[in-house]
Amino acid sequence: MRSAVCALAVVLALGCAGARAGTRHLHVLFVGNSLTATNDLPGTVQAFAHAVGGVEIDVKMVAPGGYALEDHWADGVARAALDAGGWDAVVMQQGPSSLPDSRVNLIEWTSRWADEARAHGARPALLTVWPERYRYGVFPAVIANYAAAAKAAHAASFPAGIAWVDAFHRAPGLRLYGPDDFHPSRLGTYLTAAVVYTGLTGELPRALPRDVGGTHLSAPTVRVFRASVGVAYRAVKAP
């Protein structure tokens, strides 16, 4: 029987498929830019999974600064990594993409990468990011454009941006942004990793680990983050 989380959201089907196949070992390729590379999001996801237990996640990251998915396609490094095979999922990410032209670009290249991932036997997933702090007001456009791209590409949606907004509403003093007010702090990377872990495994742990990759969270922050990840995935599921 599928878990309750898997029954709730199509985006979590990867984790359910792994469970049915009797394996709890995932190989995940991350294709993004410095929003993924800062604080090593893939390594944080791997450490998160290790701390929770029950699943091991092997990761590879291709994330040069400033890259969009179109740039990745052109330079061929990420495509070569995909060609190496053995991936269960490809997690894609680019900048906020809040403007109309950026939306068109995000939809086009998410779809191309998603088709390529499926051709290699991997499930495509699009990681929703966040705008710069001074552009906080465009958060709805970022979320809407990423949702449209995931839908058009028939890709899973990993809604980190929604989790960020919810966490800010619950605890306005949270420092999810780093010093430049765009790249994530370690707290921001942790919250994003919790979203990615849940999307990959189909499981939102009853209690998130308080120590991951050298980051220690207070008990209240852990509770906020767990609630925000749950809200994010319910929002993705909603029509």
C-alpha atoms as a PDB file:
ATOM      1  CA  MET A   1       0.000   0.000   0.000  1.00  0.00           C
ATOM      2  CA  ARG A   2       1.270   3.441  -0.832  1.00  0.00           C
ATOM      3  CA  SER A   3       2.175   5.759   1.992  1.00  0.00           C
ATOM      4  CA  ALA A   4      -0.185   8.612   2.834  1.00  0.00           C
ATOM      5  CA  VAL A   5       2.219  11.170   1.411  1.00  0.00           C
ATOM      6  CA  CYS A   6       2.546   9.281  -1.862  1.00  0.00           C
ATOM      7  CA  ALA A   7      -1.239   9.115  -2.144  1.00  0.00           C
ATOM      8  CA  LEU A   8      -1.437  12.882  -1.683  1.00  0.00           C
ATOM      9  CA  ALA A   9       0.920  14.068  -4.406  1.00  0.00           C
ATOM     10  CA  VAL A  10       1.946  12.931  -7.851  1.00  0.00           C
ATOM     11  CA  VAL A  11       5.275  14.709  -7.337  1.00  0.00           C
ATOM     12  CA  LEU A  12       6.230  12.070  -4.798  1.00  0.00           C
ATOM     13  CA  ALA A  13       5.790   9.105  -7.135  1.00  0.00           C
ATOM     14  CA  LEU A  14       9.538   8.560  -7.400  1.00  0.00           C
ATOM     15  CA  GLY A  15       9.792   7.555  -3.768  1.00  0.00           C
ATOM     16  CA  CYS A  16       6.826   5.204  -4.049  1.00  0.00           C
ATOM     17  CA  ALA A  17       8.305   3.506  -7.118  1.00  0.00           C
ATOM     18  CA  GLY A  18      11.551   2.968  -5.259  1.00  0.00           C
ATOM     19  CA  ALA A  19       9.718   1.419  -2.333  1.00  0.00           C
ATOM     20  CA  ARG A  20       7.792  -0.963  -4.612  1.00  0.00           C
ATOM     21  CA  ALA A  21      11.035  -2.031  -6.253  1.00  0.00           C
ATOM     22  CA  GLY A  22      12.470  -2.882  -2.848  1.00  0.00           C
ATOM     23  CA  THR A  23      15.293  -0.363  -2.998  1.00  0.00           C
ATOM     24  CA  ARG A  24      16.025   2.603  -0.767  1.00  0.00           C
ATOM     25  CA  HIS A  25      19.087   3.830  -2.608  1.00  0.00           C
ATOM     26  CA  LEU A  26      18.730   6.775  -4.973  1.00  0.00           C
ATOM     27  CA  HIS A  27      21.165   8.331  -7.444  1.00  0.00           C
ATOM     28  CA  VAL A  28      20.352  11.979  -8.098  1.00  0.00           C
ATOM     29  CA  LEU A  29      21.860  14.464 -10.552  1.00  0.00           C
ATOM     30  CA  PHE A  30      21.503  18.155  -9.655  1.00  0.00           C
ATOM     31  CA  VAL A  31      21.618  20.601 -12.572  1.00  0.00           C
ATOM     32  CA  GLY A  32      21.551  24.237 -11.465  1.00  0.00           C
ATOM     33  CA  ASN A  33      23.649  27.237 -10.535  1.00  0.00           C
ATOM     34  CA  SER A  34      25.007  28.940  -7.428  1.00  0.00           C
ATOM     35  CA  LEU A  35      21.645  28.712  -5.636  1.00  0.00           C
ATOM     36  CA  THR A  36      22.242  24.947  -5.620  1.00  0.00           C
ATOM     37  CA  ALA A  37      26.010  25.122  -5.139  1.00  0.00           C
ATOM     38  CA  THR A  38      25.959  27.502  -2.151  1.00  0.00           C
ATOM     39  CA  ASN A  39      26.332  25.434   1.024  1.00  0.00           C
ATOM     40  CA  ASP A  40      26.324  22.312  -1.198  1.00  0.00           C
ATOM     41  CA  LEU A  41      22.601  21.575  -1.432  1.00  0.00           C
ATOM     42  CA  PRO A  42      23.149  18.061  -2.895  1.00  0.00           C
ATOM     43  CA  GLY A  43      25.535  17.170  -0.063  1.00  0.00           C
ATOM     44  CA  THR A  44      23.025  18.535   2.439  1.00  0.00           C
ATOM     45  CA  VAL A  45      20.288  16.357   0.939  1.00  0.00           C
ATOM     46  CA  GLN A  46      22.619  13.378   1.214  1.00  0.00           C
ATOM     47  CA  ALA A  47      23.436  14.193   4.854  1.00  0.00           C
ATOM     48  CA  PHE A  48      19.750  14.785   5.604  1.00  0.00           C
ATOM     49  CA  ALA A  49      18.870  11.335   4.266  1.00  0.00           C
ATOM     50  CA  HIS A  50      21.667   9.756   6.296  1.00  0.00           C
ATOM     51  CA  ALA A  51      20.453  11.488   9.467  1.00  0.00           C
ATOM     52  CA  VAL A  52      16.854  10.376   8.922  1.00  0.00           C
ATOM     53  CA  GLY A  53      17.867   6.819   8.031  1.00  0.00           C
ATOM     54  CA  GLY A  54      16.202   4.253   5.802  1.00  0.00           C
ATOM     55  CA  VAL A  55      17.411   5.645   2.484  1.00  0.00           C
ATOM     56  CA  GLU A  56      20.779   6.522   1.006  1.00  0.00           C
ATOM     57  CA  ILE A  57      21.029   9.241  -1.642  1.00  0.00           C
ATOM     58  CA  ASP A  58      24.096   9.467  -3.879  1.00  0.00           C
ATOM     59  CA  VAL A  59      24.464  12.832  -5.579  1.00  0.00           C
ATOM     60  CA  LYS A  60      26.332  14.625  -8.338  1.00  0.00           C
ATOM     61  CA  MET A  61      26.154  18.373  -8.932  1.00  0.00           C
ATOM     62  CA  VAL A  62      26.715  20.418 -12.078  1.00  0.00           C
ATOM     63  CA  ALA A  63      26.070  24.004 -10.994  1.00  0.00           C
ATOM     64  CA  PRO A  64      28.261  26.805 -12.390  1.00  0.00           C
ATOM     65  CA  GLY A  65      27.406  30.292 -11.197  1.00  0.00           C
ATOM     66  CA  GLY A  66      24.817  32.186 -13.219  1.00  0.00           C
ATOM     67  CA  TYR A  67      23.772  29.259 -15.389  1.00  0.00           C
ATOM     68  CA  ALA A  68      20.255  28.782 -16.737  1.00  0.00           C
ATOM     69  CA  LEU A  69      19.045  25.447 -18.060  1.00  0.00           C
ATOM     70  CA  GLU A  70      19.663  26.727 -21.598  1.00  0.00           C
ATOM     71  CA  ASP A  71      23.328  27.315 -20.709  1.00  0.00           C
ATOM     72  CA  HIS A  72      23.642  23.779 -19.371  1.00  0.00           C
ATOM     73  CA  TRP A  73      22.258  22.402 -22.612  1.00  0.00           C
ATOM     74  CA  ALA A  74      24.726  24.423 -24.659  1.00  0.00           C
ATOM     75  CA  ASP A  75      27.925  23.569 -22.778  1.00  0.00           C
ATOM     76  CA  GLY A  76      27.238  19.826 -22.592  1.00  0.00           C
ATOM     77  CA  VAL A  77      28.775  19.046 -19.178  1.00  0.00           C
ATOM     78  CA  ALA A  78      25.475  18.210 -17.478  1.00  0.00           C
ATOM     79  CA  ARG A  79      24.325  16.301 -20.544  1.00  0.00           C
ATOM     80  CA  ALA A  80      27.498  14.215 -20.388  1.00  0.00           C
ATOM     81  CA  ALA A  81      26.786  13.483 -16.732  1.00  0.00           C
ATOM     82  CA  LEU A  82      23.272  12.404 -17.659  1.00  0.00           C
ATOM     83  CA  ASP A  83      24.631  10.239 -20.470  1.00  0.00           C
ATOM     84  CA  ALA A  84      26.747   8.366 -17.918  1.00  0.00           C
ATOM     85  CA  GLY A  85      23.484   6.804 -16.769  1.00  0.00           C
ATOM     86  CA  GLY A  86      22.318   5.230 -13.567  1.00  0.00           C
ATOM     87  CA  TRP A  87      20.280   8.222 -12.364  1.00  0.00           C
ATOM     88  CA  ASP A  88      16.948   7.860 -10.593  1.00  0.00           C
ATOM     89  CA  ALA A  89      16.191  11.579 -10.713  1.00  0.00           C
ATOM     90  CA  VAL A  90      17.425  14.835 -12.208  1.00  0.00           C
ATOM     91  CA  VAL A  91      16.739  17.914 -10.073  1.00  0.00           C
ATOM     92  CA  MET A  92      16.775  21.079 -12.184  1.00  0.00           C
ATOM     93  CA  GLN A  93      17.016  24.702 -11.083  1.00  0.00           C
ATOM     94  CA  GLN A  94      17.699  28.111 -12.576  1.00  0.00           C
ATOM     95  CA  GLY A  95      17.282  31.714 -11.387  1.00  0.00           C
ATOM     96  CA  PRO A  96      14.024  33.237 -10.094  1.00  0.00           C
ATOM     97  CA  SER A  97      12.620  33.546 -13.647  1.00  0.00           C
ATOM     98  CA  SER A  98       9.914  35.946 -12.499  1.00  0.00           C
ATOM     99  CA  LEU A  99       9.593  37.984 -15.709  1.00  0.00           C
ATOM    100  CA  PRO A 100       7.350  36.985 -18.654  1.00  0.00           C
ATOM    101  CA  ASP A 101      10.303  36.293 -20.977  1.00  0.00           C
ATOM    102  CA  SER A 102      12.010  34.290 -18.234  1.00  0.00           C
ATOM    103  CA  ARG A 103       8.839  32.235 -17.803  1.00  0.00           C
ATOM    104  CA  VAL A 104       8.874  31.308 -21.492  1.00  0.00           C
ATOM    105  CA  ASN A 105      12.540  30.351 -21.285  1.00  0.00           C
ATOM    106  CA  LEU A 106      12.033  28.297 -18.116  1.00  0.00           C
ATOM    107  CA  ILE A 107       9.133  26.366 -19.629  1.00  0.00           C
ATOM    108  CA  GLU A 108      11.009  25.652 -22.852  1.00  0.00           C
ATOM    109  CA  TRP A 109      14.219  24.409 -21.268  1.00  0.00           C
ATOM    110  CA  THR A 110      12.607  22.553 -18.380  1.00  0.00           C
ATOM    111  CA  SER A 111      10.611  20.621 -20.972  1.00  0.00           C
ATOM    112  CA  ARG A 112      13.712  19.845 -23.044  1.00  0.00           C
ATOM    113  CA  TRP A 113      15.679  18.686 -20.014  1.00  0.00           C
ATOM    114  CA  ALA A 114      12.722  16.685 -18.686  1.00  0.00           C
ATOM    115  CA  ASP A 115      12.405  14.808 -21.978  1.00  0.00           C
ATOM    116  CA  GLU A 116      16.139  14.107 -21.911  1.00  0.00           C
ATOM    117  CA  ALA A 117      15.983  12.853 -18.318  1.00  0.00           C
ATOM    118  CA  ARG A 118      13.120  10.488 -19.115  1.00  0.00           C
ATOM    119  CA  ALA A 119      14.974   9.223 -22.182  1.00  0.00           C
ATOM    120  CA  HIS A 120      17.748   8.196 -19.778  1.00  0.00           C
ATOM    121  CA  GLY A 121      15.355   6.477 -17.378  1.00  0.00           C
ATOM    122  CA  ALA A 122      15.420   9.279 -14.788  1.00  0.00           C
ATOM    123  CA  ARG A 123      12.527  11.179 -13.261  1.00  0.00           C
ATOM    124  CA  PRO A 124      12.763  14.940 -13.879  1.00  0.00           C
ATOM    125  CA  ALA A 125      12.075  17.368 -11.045  1.00  0.00           C
ATOM    126  CA  LEU A 126      12.081  21.162 -10.996  1.00  0.00           C
ATOM    127  CA  LEU A 127      13.242  22.893  -7.818  1.00  0.00           C
ATOM    128  CA  THR A 128      11.332  26.136  -7.194  1.00  0.00           C
ATOM    129  CA  VAL A 129      13.692  28.797  -5.878  1.00  0.00           C
ATOM    130  CA  TRP A 130      13.251  32.321  -4.467  1.00  0.00           C
ATOM    131  CA  PRO A 131      13.907  35.912  -5.558  1.00  0.00           C
ATOM    132  CA  GLU A 132      16.384  38.332  -4.018  1.00  0.00           C
ATOM    133  CA  ARG A 133      15.222  39.725  -0.696  1.00  0.00           C
ATOM    134  CA  TYR A 134      14.713  43.219  -2.151  1.00  0.00           C
ATOM    135  CA  ARG A 135      12.407  41.646  -4.780  1.00  0.00           C
ATOM    136  CA  TYR A 136      10.383  39.696  -2.231  1.00  0.00           C
ATOM    137  CA  GLY A 137       7.205  41.013  -3.845  1.00  0.00           C
ATOM    138  CA  VAL A 138       7.794  38.899  -6.975  1.00  0.00           C
ATOM    139  CA  PHE A 139       7.682  35.646  -4.998  1.00  0.00           C
ATOM    140  CA  PRO A 140       4.190  34.817  -6.372  1.00  0.00           C
ATOM    141  CA  ALA A 141       5.466  35.211  -9.944  1.00  0.00           C
ATOM    142  CA  VAL A 142       8.474  32.967  -9.237  1.00  0.00           C
ATOM    143  CA  ILE A 143       6.239  30.279  -7.752  1.00  0.00           C
ATOM    144  CA  ALA A 144       3.684  30.537 -10.571  1.00  0.00           C
ATOM    145  CA  ASN A 145       6.314  30.362 -13.318  1.00  0.00           C
ATOM    146  CA  TYR A 146       8.038  27.345 -11.814  1.00  0.00           C
ATOM    147  CA  ALA A 147       4.693  25.611 -11.353  1.00  0.00           C
ATOM    148  CA  ALA A 148       3.824  26.276 -14.996  1.00  0.00           C
ATOM    149  CA  ALA A 149       7.174  24.934 -16.158  1.00  0.00           C
ATOM    150  CA  ALA A 150       6.876  21.755 -14.088  1.00  0.00           C
ATOM    151  CA  LYS A 151       3.358  21.168 -15.386  1.00  0.00           C
ATOM    152  CA  ALA A 152       4.310  21.774 -19.018  1.00  0.00           C
ATOM    153  CA  ALA A 153       7.297  19.429 -18.690  1.00  0.00           C
ATOM    154  CA  HIS A 154       5.362  16.738 -16.794  1.00  0.00           C
ATOM    155  CA  ALA A 155       8.089  17.018 -14.169  1.00  0.00           C
ATOM    156  CA  ALA A 156       7.859  16.679 -10.408  1.00  0.00           C
ATOM    157  CA  SER A 157       7.687  19.974  -8.545  1.00  0.00           C
ATOM    158  CA  PHE A 158       9.967  20.439  -5.537  1.00  0.00           C
ATOM    159  CA  PRO A 159       8.415  23.629  -4.096  1.00  0.00           C
ATOM    160  CA  ALA A 160      11.187  25.100  -1.960  1.00  0.00           C
ATOM    161  CA  GLY A 161      10.054  28.652  -2.729  1.00  0.00           C
ATOM    162  CA  ILE A 162       6.621  27.946  -1.262  1.00  0.00           C
ATOM    163  CA  ALA A 163       8.232  26.482   1.854  1.00  0.00           C
ATOM    164  CA  TRP A 164      10.365  29.636   2.215  1.00  0.00           C
ATOM    165  CA  VAL A 165       7.306  31.916   2.053  1.00  0.00           C
ATOM    166  CA  ASP A 166       5.432  29.824   4.602  1.00  0.00           C
ATOM    167  CA  ALA A 167       8.425  29.727   6.950  1.00  0.00           C
ATOM    168  CA  PHE A 168       8.763  33.526   6.771  1.00  0.00           C
ATOM    169  CA  HIS A 169       5.083  33.882   7.631  1.00  0.00           C
ATOM    170  CA  ARG A 170       5.452  31.600  10.643  1.00  0.00           C
ATOM    171  CA  ALA A 171       8.744  33.066  11.858  1.00  0.00           C
ATOM    172  CA  PRO A 172       9.587  36.414  10.187  1.00  0.00           C
ATOM    173  CA  GLY A 173      12.975  36.552  11.885  1.00  0.00           C
ATOM    174  CA  LEU A 174      14.292  33.403  10.209  1.00  0.00           C
ATOM    175  CA  ARG A 175      17.527  34.038   8.318  1.00  0.00           C
ATOM    176  CA  LEU A 176      16.982  31.983   5.206  1.00  0.00           C
ATOM    177  CA  TYR A 177      18.969  34.416   3.057  1.00  0.00           C
ATOM    178  CA  GLY A 178      22.732  34.615   3.217  1.00  0.00           C
ATOM    179  CA  PRO A 179      24.809  37.811   3.470  1.00  0.00           C
ATOM    180  CA  ASP A 180      24.096  38.909  -0.119  1.00  0.00           C
ATOM    181  CA  ASP A 181      20.302  38.619   0.395  1.00  0.00           C
ATOM    182  CA  PHE A 182      19.966  36.217  -2.525  1.00  0.00           C
ATOM    183  CA  HIS A 183      21.937  33.036  -1.982  1.00  0.00           C
ATOM    184  CA  PRO A 184      20.694  30.866   0.874  1.00  0.00           C
ATOM    185  CA  SER A 185      22.096  30.813   4.367  1.00  0.00           C
ATOM    186  CA  ARG A 186      22.761  27.396   5.856  1.00  0.00           C
ATOM    187  CA  LEU A 187      19.237  27.536   7.287  1.00  0.00           C
ATOM    188  CA  GLY A 188      17.877  28.282   3.812  1.00  0.00           C
ATOM    189  CA  THR A 189      19.811  25.373   2.338  1.00  0.00           C
ATOM    190  CA  TYR A 190      18.555  23.070   5.109  1.00  0.00           C
ATOM    191  CA  LEU A 191      14.914  23.994   4.411  1.00  0.00           C
ATOM    192  CA  THR A 192      15.465  23.491   0.682  1.00  0.00           C
ATOM    193  CA  ALA A 193      17.098  20.119   1.357  1.00  0.00           C
ATOM    194  CA  ALA A 194      14.081  19.048   3.411  1.00  0.00           C
ATOM    195  CA  VAL A 195      11.845  19.863   0.432  1.00  0.00           C
ATOM    196  CA  VAL A 196      14.091  17.943  -1.967  1.00  0.00           C
ATOM    197  CA  TYR A 197      14.359  14.945   0.378  1.00  0.00           C
ATOM    198  CA  THR A 198      10.573  14.769   0.704  1.00  0.00           C
ATOM    199  CA  GLY A 199      10.110  14.952  -3.050  1.00  0.00           C
ATOM    200  CA  LEU A 200      12.695  12.273  -3.735  1.00  0.00           C
ATOM    201  CA  THR A 201      11.589   9.784  -1.104  1.00  0.00           C
ATOM    202  CA  GLY A 202       7.867  10.433  -0.810  1.00  0.00           C
ATOM    203  CA  GLU A 203       8.264  10.859   2.931  1.00  0.00           C
ATOM    204  CA  LEU A 204       8.092  13.885   5.209  1.00  0.00           C
ATOM    205  CA  PRO A 205       9.753  12.606   8.400  1.00  0.00           C
ATOM    206  CA  ARG A 206       7.746  12.890  11.614  1.00  0.00           C
ATOM    207  CA  ALA A 207      10.709  14.724  13.110  1.00  0.00           C
ATOM    208  CA  LEU A 208      13.331  16.483  11.021  1.00  0.00           C
ATOM    209  CA  PRO A 209      16.950  15.996  12.142  1.00  0.00           C
ATOM    210  CA  ARG A 210      18.313  18.906  14.173  1.00  0.00           C
ATOM    211  CA  ASP A 211      21.930  18.399  13.088  1.00  0.00           C
ATOM    212  CA  VAL A 212      22.763  18.090   9.389  1.00  0.00           C
ATOM    213  CA  GLY A 213      26.081  18.858   7.737  1.00  0.00           C
ATOM    214  CA  GLY A 214      27.317  20.983  10.592  1.00  0.00           C
ATOM    215  CA  THR A 215      24.066  22.966  10.841  1.00  0.00           C
ATOM    216  CA  HIS A 216      22.284  22.803  14.195  1.00  0.00           C
ATOM    217  CA  LEU A 217      18.644  23.863  14.363  1.00  0.00           C
ATOM    218  CA  SER A 218      16.621  24.770  17.431  1.00  0.00           C
ATOM    219  CA  ALA A 219      13.559  22.646  18.150  1.00  0.00           C
ATOM    220  CA  PRO A 220      11.149  25.522  17.278  1.00  0.00           C
ATOM    221  CA  THR A 221      12.885  26.051  13.907  1.00  0.00           C
ATOM    222  CA  VAL A 222      12.634  22.342  13.124  1.00  0.00           C
ATOM    223  CA  ARG A 223       8.904  22.443  13.840  1.00  0.00           C
ATOM    224  CA  VAL A 224       8.463  25.490  11.599  1.00  0.00           C
ATOM    225  CA  PHE A 225      10.400  23.847   8.779  1.00  0.00           C
ATOM    226  CA  ARG A 226       8.451  20.601   8.947  1.00  0.00           C
ATOM    227  CA  ALA A 227       5.150  22.473   8.862  1.00  0.00           C
ATOM    228  CA  SER A 228       6.332  24.614   5.943  1.00  0.00           C
ATOM    229  CA  VAL A 229       7.432  21.620   3.862  1.00  0.00           C
ATOM    230  CA  GLY A 230       4.028  20.039   4.437  1.00  0.00           C
ATOM    231  CA  VAL A 231       2.256  23.236   3.385  1.00  0.00           C
ATOM    232  CA  ALA A 232       4.417  23.480   0.262  1.00  0.00           C
ATOM    233  CA  TYR A 233       3.523  19.998  -0.952  1.00  0.00           C
ATOM    234  CA  ARG A 234      -0.174  20.445  -0.181  1.00  0.00           C
ATOM    235  CA  ALA A 235      -0.064  23.632  -2.244  1.00  0.00           C
ATOM    236  CA  VAL A 236       1.488  21.738  -5.172  1.00  0.00           C
ATOM    237  CA  LYS A 237      -1.248  19.124  -4.931  1.00  0.00           C
ATOM    238  CA  ALA A 238      -4.078  21.651  -4.808  1.00  0.00           C
ATOM    239  CA  PRO A 239      -5.883  22.248  -8.151  1.00  0.00           C
END
